[in-house]
């Protein structure tokens, strides 16, 4: 039982390391893409248009 507990902890830590590495690579790859800013602007434009529709 102790062996399974240790193996579970080691596997979990390794999985977290893989996920962390993937997140770093994804962040670097997406840094130069226009999509995040476009989505941000589009999202706030939707809020502005919704408020304008309510005001009118």
PDB file of N, CA and C in Angstrom:
ATOM      1  N   UNK A   1       0.824  -1.193   0.000  1.00  0.00           N
ATOM      2  CA  UNK A   1       0.000   0.000   0.000  1.00  0.00           C
ATOM      3  C   UNK A   1       0.870   1.260   0.000  1.00  0.00           C
ATOM      4  N   UNK A   2       1.954   1.223   0.756  1.00  0.00           N
ATOM      5  CA  UNK A   2       2.868   2.366   0.806  1.00  0.00           C
ATOM      6  C   UNK A   2       3.480   2.619  -0.570  1.00  0.00           C
ATOM      7  N   UNK A   3       3.789   1.548  -1.275  1.00  0.00           N
ATOM      8  CA  UNK A   3       4.365   1.684  -2.617  1.00  0.00           C
ATOM      9  C   UNK A   3       3.389   2.383  -3.567  1.00  0.00           C
ATOM     10  N   UNK A   4       2.118   2.037  -3.489  1.00  0.00           N
ATOM     11  CA  UNK A   4       1.117   2.682  -4.335  1.00  0.00           C
ATOM     12  C   UNK A   4       0.961   4.158  -3.989  1.00  0.00           C
ATOM     13  N   UNK A   5       1.032   4.490  -2.713  1.00  0.00           N
ATOM     14  CA  UNK A   5       0.930   5.890  -2.290  1.00  0.00           C
ATOM     15  C   UNK A   5       2.100   6.699  -2.834  1.00  0.00           C
ATOM     16  N   UNK A   6       3.296   6.173  -2.703  1.00  0.00           N
ATOM     17  CA  UNK A   6       4.487   6.869  -3.204  1.00  0.00           C
ATOM     18  C   UNK A   6       4.425   6.988  -4.725  1.00  0.00           C
ATOM     19  N   UNK A   7       4.012   5.924  -5.397  1.00  0.00           N
ATOM     20  CA  UNK A   7       3.903   5.968  -6.860  1.00  0.00           C
ATOM     21  C   UNK A   7       2.864   6.995  -7.291  1.00  0.00           C
ATOM     22  N   UNK A   8       1.758   7.107  -6.553  1.00  0.00           N
ATOM     23  CA  UNK A   8       0.743   8.110  -6.873  1.00  0.00           C
ATOM     24  C   UNK A   8       1.265   9.520  -6.740  1.00  0.00           C
ATOM     25  N   UNK A   9       2.025   9.781  -5.679  1.00  0.00           N
ATOM     26  CA  UNK A   9       2.593  11.115  -5.470  1.00  0.00           C
ATOM     27  C   UNK A   9       3.604  11.439  -6.559  1.00  0.00           C
ATOM     28  N   UNK A  10       4.467  10.495  -6.882  1.00  0.00           N
ATOM     29  CA  UNK A  10       5.481  10.725  -7.923  1.00  0.00           C
ATOM     30  C   UNK A  10       4.813  10.972  -9.273  1.00  0.00           C
ATOM     31  N   UNK A  11       3.811  10.185  -9.596  1.00  0.00           N
ATOM     32  CA  UNK A  11       3.088  10.354 -10.863  1.00  0.00           C
ATOM     33  C   UNK A  11       2.401  11.713 -10.917  1.00  0.00           C
ATOM     34  N   UNK A  12       1.803  12.135  -9.823  1.00  0.00           N
ATOM     35  CA  UNK A  12       1.129  13.427  -9.768  1.00  0.00           C
ATOM     36  C   UNK A  12       2.116  14.569  -9.968  1.00  0.00           C
ATOM     37  N   UNK A  13       3.253  14.494  -9.310  1.00  0.00           N
ATOM     38  CA  UNK A  13       4.265  15.545  -9.461  1.00  0.00           C
ATOM     39  C   UNK A  13       4.798  15.597 -10.890  1.00  0.00           C
ATOM     40  N   UNK A  14       4.992  14.439 -11.496  1.00  0.00           N
ATOM     41  CA  UNK A  14       5.478  14.404 -12.884  1.00  0.00           C
ATOM     42  C   UNK A  14       4.441  14.993 -13.835  1.00  0.00           C
ATOM     43  N   UNK A  15       3.175  14.692 -13.613  1.00  0.00           N
ATOM     44  CA  UNK A  15       2.104  15.237 -14.446  1.00  0.00           C
ATOM     45  C   UNK A  15       2.050  16.757 -14.317  1.00  0.00           C
ATOM     46  N   UNK A  16       2.203  17.257 -13.112  1.00  0.00           N
ATOM     47  CA  UNK A  16       2.198  18.706 -12.912  1.00  0.00           C
ATOM     48  C   UNK A  16       3.381  19.362 -13.609  1.00  0.00           C
ATOM     49  N   UNK A  17       4.529  18.696 -13.606  1.00  0.00           N
ATOM     50  CA  UNK A  17       5.705  19.227 -14.296  1.00  0.00           C
ATOM     51  C   UNK A  17       5.459  19.305 -15.802  1.00  0.00           C
ATOM     52  N   UNK A  18       4.833  18.270 -16.360  1.00  0.00           N
ATOM     53  CA  UNK A  18       4.508  18.262 -17.788  1.00  0.00           C
ATOM     54  C   UNK A  18       3.525  19.393 -18.109  1.00  0.00           C
ATOM     55  N   UNK A  19       2.494  19.552 -17.288  1.00  0.00           N
ATOM     56  CA  UNK A  19       1.495  20.604 -17.507  1.00  0.00           C
ATOM     57  C   UNK A  19       2.141  21.989 -17.420  1.00  0.00           C
ATOM     58  N   UNK A  20       3.036  22.181 -16.454  1.00  0.00           N
ATOM     59  CA  UNK A  20       3.685  23.475 -16.287  1.00  0.00           C
ATOM     60  C   UNK A  20       4.558  23.797 -17.502  1.00  0.00           C
ATOM     61  N   UNK A  21       5.286  22.806 -17.985  1.00  0.00           N
ATOM     62  CA  UNK A  21       6.115  23.003 -19.179  1.00  0.00           C
ATOM     63  C   UNK A  21       5.273  23.327 -20.396  1.00  0.00           C
ATOM     64  N   UNK A  22       4.128  22.639 -20.528  1.00  0.00           N
ATOM     65  CA  UNK A  22       3.243  22.898 -21.657  1.00  0.00           C
ATOM     66  C   UNK A  22       2.696  24.322 -21.589  1.00  0.00           C
ATOM     67  N   UNK A  23       2.307  24.778 -20.393  1.00  0.00           N
ATOM     68  CA  UNK A  23       1.760  26.123 -20.247  1.00  0.00           C
ATOM     69  C   UNK A  23       2.807  27.174 -20.619  1.00  0.00           C
ATOM     70  N   UNK A  24       4.058  26.953 -20.225  1.00  0.00           N
ATOM     71  CA  UNK A  24       5.124  27.897 -20.579  1.00  0.00           C
ATOM     72  C   UNK A  24       5.332  27.946 -22.092  1.00  0.00           C
ATOM     73  N   UNK A  25       5.362  26.776 -22.742  1.00  0.00           N
ATOM     74  CA  UNK A  25       5.537  26.757 -24.198  1.00  0.00           C
ATOM     75  C   UNK A  25       4.357  27.400 -24.909  1.00  0.00           C
ATOM     76  N   UNK A  26       3.156  27.158 -24.414  1.00  0.00           N
ATOM     77  CA  UNK A  26       1.960  27.742 -25.027  1.00  0.00           C
ATOM     78  C   UNK A  26       1.979  29.267 -24.895  1.00  0.00           C
ATOM     79  N   UNK A  27       2.368  29.761 -23.725  1.00  0.00           N
ATOM     80  CA  UNK A  27       2.424  31.203 -23.495  1.00  0.00           C
ATOM     81  C   UNK A  27       3.429  31.857 -24.432  1.00  0.00           C
ATOM     82  N   UNK A  28       4.597  31.232 -24.602  1.00  0.00           N
ATOM     83  CA  UNK A  28       5.611  31.781 -25.498  1.00  0.00           C
ATOM     84  C   UNK A  28       5.143  31.756 -26.945  1.00  0.00           C
ATOM     85  N   UNK A  29       4.467  30.686 -27.352  1.00  0.00           N
ATOM     86  CA  UNK A  29       4.018  30.570 -28.740  1.00  0.00           C
ATOM     87  C   UNK A  29       2.923  31.591 -29.052  1.00  0.00           C
ATOM     88  N   UNK A  30       2.083  31.889 -28.074  1.00  0.00           N
ATOM     89  CA  UNK A  30       0.945  32.774 -28.313  1.00  0.00           C
ATOM     90  C   UNK A  30       1.248  34.244 -28.041  1.00  0.00           C
ATOM     91  N   UNK A  31       2.424  34.523 -27.556  1.00  0.00           N
ATOM     92  CA  UNK A  31       2.760  35.899 -27.195  1.00  0.00           C
ATOM     93  C   UNK A  31       2.654  36.854 -28.392  1.00  0.00           C
ATOM     94  N   UNK A  32       3.016  36.376 -29.566  1.00  0.00           N
ATOM     95  CA  UNK A  32       3.074  37.251 -30.738  1.00  0.00           C
ATOM     96  C   UNK A  32       1.820  37.193 -31.606  1.00  0.00           C
ATOM     97  N   UNK A  33       0.839  36.428 -31.198  1.00  0.00           N
ATOM     98  CA  UNK A  33      -0.378  36.310 -31.994  1.00  0.00           C
ATOM     99  C   UNK A  33      -1.361  37.432 -31.645  1.00  0.00           C
ATOM    100  N   UNK A  34      -2.117  37.924 -32.619  1.00  0.00           N
ATOM    101  CA  UNK A  34      -3.068  39.006 -32.351  1.00  0.00           C
ATOM    102  C   UNK A  34      -4.360  38.520 -31.704  1.00  0.00           C
ATOM    103  N   UNK A  35      -4.591  37.216 -31.650  1.00  0.00           N
ATOM    104  CA  UNK A  35      -5.876  36.698 -31.207  1.00  0.00           C
ATOM    105  C   UNK A  35      -6.262  37.074 -29.776  1.00  0.00           C
ATOM    106  N   UNK A  36      -5.365  36.995 -28.796  1.00  0.00           N
ATOM    107  CA  UNK A  36      -5.810  37.340 -27.443  1.00  0.00           C
ATOM    108  C   UNK A  36      -6.324  38.780 -27.349  1.00  0.00           C
ATOM    109  N   UNK A  37      -5.651  39.731 -27.990  1.00  0.00           N
ATOM    110  CA  UNK A  37      -6.095  41.121 -27.935  1.00  0.00           C
ATOM    111  C   UNK A  37      -7.391  41.289 -28.711  1.00  0.00           C
ATOM    112  N   UNK A  38      -7.528  40.579 -29.824  1.00  0.00           N
ATOM    113  CA  UNK A  38      -8.746  40.657 -30.618  1.00  0.00           C
ATOM    114  C   UNK A  38      -9.937  40.124 -29.823  1.00  0.00           C
ATOM    115  N   UNK A  39      -9.741  38.991 -29.149  1.00  0.00           N
ATOM    116  CA  UNK A  39     -10.821  38.434 -28.339  1.00  0.00           C
ATOM    117  C   UNK A  39     -11.172  39.356 -27.182  1.00  0.00           C
ATOM    118  N   UNK A  40     -10.175  39.953 -26.570  1.00  0.00           N
ATOM    119  CA  UNK A  40     -10.398  40.889 -25.471  1.00  0.00           C
ATOM    120  C   UNK A  40     -11.207  42.099 -25.952  1.00  0.00           C
ATOM    121  N   UNK A  41     -10.801  42.661 -27.067  1.00  0.00           N
ATOM    122  CA  UNK A  41     -11.491  43.825 -27.618  1.00  0.00           C
ATOM    123  C   UNK A  41     -12.920  43.465 -28.037  1.00  0.00           C
ATOM    124  N   UNK A  42     -13.081  42.324 -28.667  1.00  0.00           N
ATOM    125  CA  UNK A  42     -14.410  41.897 -29.097  1.00  0.00           C
ATOM    126  C   UNK A  42     -15.323  41.654 -27.903  1.00  0.00           C
ATOM    127  N   UNK A  43     -14.780  41.079 -26.866  1.00  0.00           N
ATOM    128  CA  UNK A  43     -15.567  40.835 -25.658  1.00  0.00           C
ATOM    129  C   UNK A  43     -16.065  42.133 -25.039  1.00  0.00           C
ATOM    130  N   UNK A  44     -15.187  43.101 -24.912  1.00  0.00           N
ATOM    131  CA  UNK A  44     -15.603  44.385 -24.324  1.00  0.00           C
ATOM    132  C   UNK A  44     -16.513  45.163 -25.272  1.00  0.00           C
ATOM    133  N   UNK A  45     -16.334  45.007 -26.575  1.00  0.00           N
ATOM    134  CA  UNK A  45     -17.240  45.660 -27.532  1.00  0.00           C
ATOM    135  C   UNK A  45     -18.651  45.089 -27.370  1.00  0.00           C
ATOM    136  N   UNK A  46     -18.731  43.786 -27.132  1.00  0.00           N
ATOM    137  CA  UNK A  46     -20.040  43.164 -26.905  1.00  0.00           C
ATOM    138  C   UNK A  46     -20.730  43.739 -25.673  1.00  0.00           C
ATOM    139  N   UNK A  47     -19.987  43.963 -24.614  1.00  0.00           N
ATOM    140  CA  UNK A  47     -20.545  44.573 -23.408  1.00  0.00           C
ATOM    141  C   UNK A  47     -21.005  45.988 -23.703  1.00  0.00           C
ATOM    142  N   UNK A  48     -20.181  46.748 -24.419  1.00  0.00           N
ATOM    143  CA  UNK A  48     -20.547  48.125 -24.779  1.00  0.00           C
ATOM    144  C   UNK A  48     -21.788  48.179 -25.641  1.00  0.00           C
ATOM    145  N   UNK A  49     -21.868  47.280 -26.615  1.00  0.00           N
ATOM    146  CA  UNK A  49     -23.051  47.262 -27.474  1.00  0.00           C
ATOM    147  C   UNK A  49     -24.305  46.835 -26.690  1.00  0.00           C
ATOM    148  N   UNK A  50     -24.134  45.911 -25.770  1.00  0.00           N
ATOM    149  CA  UNK A  50     -25.264  45.509 -24.941  1.00  0.00           C
ATOM    150  C   UNK A  50     -25.768  46.646 -24.077  1.00  0.00           C
ATOM    151  N   UNK A  51     -24.859  47.373 -23.477  1.00  0.00           N
ATOM    152  CA  UNK A  51     -25.251  48.528 -22.655  1.00  0.00           C
ATOM    153  C   UNK A  51     -25.912  49.621 -23.508  1.00  0.00           C
ATOM    154  N   UNK A  52     -25.371  49.833 -24.720  1.00  0.00           N
ATOM    155  CA  UNK A  52     -25.955  50.812 -25.607  1.00  0.00           C
ATOM    156  C   UNK A  52     -27.372  50.407 -26.014  1.00  0.00           C
ATOM    157  N   UNK A  53     -27.589  49.118 -26.244  1.00  0.00           N
ATOM    158  CA  UNK A  53     -28.926  48.653 -26.616  1.00  0.00           C
ATOM    159  C   UNK A  53     -29.903  48.855 -25.486  1.00  0.00           C
ATOM    160  N   UNK A  54     -29.465  48.630 -24.253  1.00  0.00           N
ATOM    161  CA  UNK A  54     -30.349  48.849 -23.095  1.00  0.00           C
ATOM    162  C   UNK A  54     -30.644  50.335 -22.937  1.00  0.00           C
ATOM    163  N   UNK A  55     -29.641  51.170 -23.149  1.00  0.00           N
ATOM    164  CA  UNK A  55     -29.832  52.613 -22.993  1.00  0.00           C
ATOM    165  C   UNK A  55     -30.788  53.162 -24.050  1.00  0.00           C
ATOM    166  N   UNK A  56     -30.731  52.621 -25.254  1.00  0.00           N
ATOM    167  CA  UNK A  56     -31.595  53.111 -26.342  1.00  0.00           C
ATOM    168  C   UNK A  56     -32.991  52.569 -26.119  1.00  0.00           C
TER     169      UNK A  56
END
